[in-house]
Amino acid sequence: RGIANLETKEVSSLCVEPHPDGTFLVAAFDLPADELPAFHAREEEFFIVEAPIQELDGRVEQRG
């Protein structure tokens, strides 16, 4: 699936489900618009949505 590099032991994956009292902390990264179709194709089993990005101090900086 391309989510791991076994040589360097680098692995990436994230899966969450909605919960009324739930929160989680992540690192956000920029993805060039022309790479979005490939990203969506790789992650086809997930429901990907745009959500507010909130800084640790509470400021909402953008949507992503």
C-alpha atoms as a PDB file:
ATOM      1  CA  ARG A   1       0.000   0.000   0.000  1.00  0.00           C
ATOM      2  CA  GLY A   2       2.965   2.337   0.183  1.00  0.00           C
ATOM      3  CA  ILE A   3       2.438   3.383   3.816  1.00  0.00           C
ATOM      4  CA  ALA A   4       5.683   1.909   5.113  1.00  0.00           C
ATOM      5  CA  ASN A   5       9.388   1.863   4.328  1.00  0.00           C
ATOM      6  CA  LEU A   6      10.619  -1.288   6.051  1.00  0.00           C
ATOM      7  CA  GLU A   7      14.296  -0.395   5.532  1.00  0.00           C
ATOM      8  CA  THR A   8      14.028   2.789   7.599  1.00  0.00           C
ATOM      9  CA  LYS A   9      11.079   1.601   9.732  1.00  0.00           C
ATOM     10  CA  GLU A  10       9.033   4.638   8.638  1.00  0.00           C
ATOM     11  CA  VAL A  11       5.284   3.970   8.801  1.00  0.00           C
ATOM     12  CA  SER A  12       2.343   6.288   8.363  1.00  0.00           C
ATOM     13  CA  SER A  13      -1.347   5.652   8.857  1.00  0.00           C
ATOM     14  CA  LEU A  14      -4.315   7.203  10.622  1.00  0.00           C
ATOM     15  CA  CYS A  15      -7.867   6.048  11.098  1.00  0.00           C
ATOM     16  CA  VAL A  16     -10.423   7.673  13.411  1.00  0.00           C
ATOM     17  CA  GLU A  17     -14.140   7.447  14.047  1.00  0.00           C
ATOM     18  CA  PRO A  18     -16.447  10.252  15.242  1.00  0.00           C
ATOM     19  CA  HIS A  19     -17.164  10.441  18.973  1.00  0.00           C
ATOM     20  CA  PRO A  20     -19.104  13.246  20.706  1.00  0.00           C
ATOM     21  CA  ASP A  21     -16.371  13.827  23.318  1.00  0.00           C
ATOM     22  CA  GLY A  22     -13.416  12.710  21.207  1.00  0.00           C
ATOM     23  CA  THR A  23     -10.277  14.677  20.350  1.00  0.00           C
ATOM     24  CA  PHE A  24      -6.890  13.729  18.938  1.00  0.00           C
ATOM     25  CA  LEU A  25      -3.621  15.467  18.155  1.00  0.00           C
ATOM     26  CA  VAL A  26      -2.013  15.228  14.720  1.00  0.00           C
ATOM     27  CA  ALA A  27       0.652  16.860  12.606  1.00  0.00           C
ATOM     28  CA  ALA A  28      -0.805  18.541   9.517  1.00  0.00           C
ATOM     29  CA  PHE A  29       1.130  18.841   6.291  1.00  0.00           C
ATOM     30  CA  ASP A  30       0.598  20.609   2.977  1.00  0.00           C
ATOM     31  CA  LEU A  31      -0.154  18.522  -0.058  1.00  0.00           C
ATOM     32  CA  PRO A  32       0.075  20.157  -3.489  1.00  0.00           C
ATOM     33  CA  ALA A  33      -3.320  20.271  -5.239  1.00  0.00           C
ATOM     34  CA  ASP A  34      -2.007  18.270  -8.192  1.00  0.00           C
ATOM     35  CA  GLU A  35      -1.191  15.373  -5.807  1.00  0.00           C
ATOM     36  CA  LEU A  36      -4.722  15.178  -4.356  1.00  0.00           C
ATOM     37  CA  PRO A  37      -6.087  12.680  -6.932  1.00  0.00           C
ATOM     38  CA  ALA A  38      -3.267  10.202  -6.177  1.00  0.00           C
ATOM     39  CA  PHE A  39      -3.759  10.729  -2.416  1.00  0.00           C
ATOM     40  CA  HIS A  40      -7.487   9.994  -2.694  1.00  0.00           C
ATOM     41  CA  ALA A  41      -6.781   6.918  -4.855  1.00  0.00           C
ATOM     42  CA  ARG A  42      -4.280   5.549  -2.282  1.00  0.00           C
ATOM     43  CA  GLU A  43      -6.711   6.147   0.574  1.00  0.00           C
ATOM     44  CA  GLU A  44      -9.849   4.982  -1.217  1.00  0.00           C
ATOM     45  CA  GLU A  45     -11.212   3.071   1.773  1.00  0.00           C
ATOM     46  CA  PHE A  46     -11.389   6.236   3.908  1.00  0.00           C
ATOM     47  CA  PHE A  47     -13.987   9.005   3.960  1.00  0.00           C
ATOM     48  CA  ILE A  48     -11.753  12.076   3.630  1.00  0.00           C
ATOM     49  CA  VAL A  49     -13.241  15.430   4.646  1.00  0.00           C
ATOM     50  CA  GLU A  50     -11.972  18.956   5.143  1.00  0.00           C
ATOM     51  CA  ALA A  51     -11.864  20.002   8.812  1.00  0.00           C
ATOM     52  CA  PRO A  52     -10.746  23.040  10.822  1.00  0.00           C
ATOM     53  CA  ILE A  53      -7.097  22.970  11.868  1.00  0.00           C
ATOM     54  CA  GLN A  54      -6.797  24.232  15.437  1.00  0.00           C
ATOM     55  CA  GLU A  55      -3.437  25.258  16.870  1.00  0.00           C
ATOM     56  CA  LEU A  56      -2.482  24.066  20.368  1.00  0.00           C
ATOM     57  CA  ASP A  57      -3.240  27.563  21.701  1.00  0.00           C
ATOM     58  CA  GLY A  58      -6.832  27.267  20.420  1.00  0.00           C
ATOM     59  CA  ARG A  59      -6.531  29.457  17.298  1.00  0.00           C
ATOM     60  CA  VAL A  60      -8.201  28.053  14.206  1.00  0.00           C
ATOM     61  CA  GLU A  61      -5.741  28.814  11.425  1.00  0.00           C
ATOM     62  CA  GLN A  62      -7.290  27.218   8.367  1.00  0.00           C
ATOM     63  CA  ARG A  63      -9.257  24.291   7.018  1.00  0.00           C
ATOM     64  CA  GLY A  64      -7.539  21.241   5.707  1.00  0.00           C
END
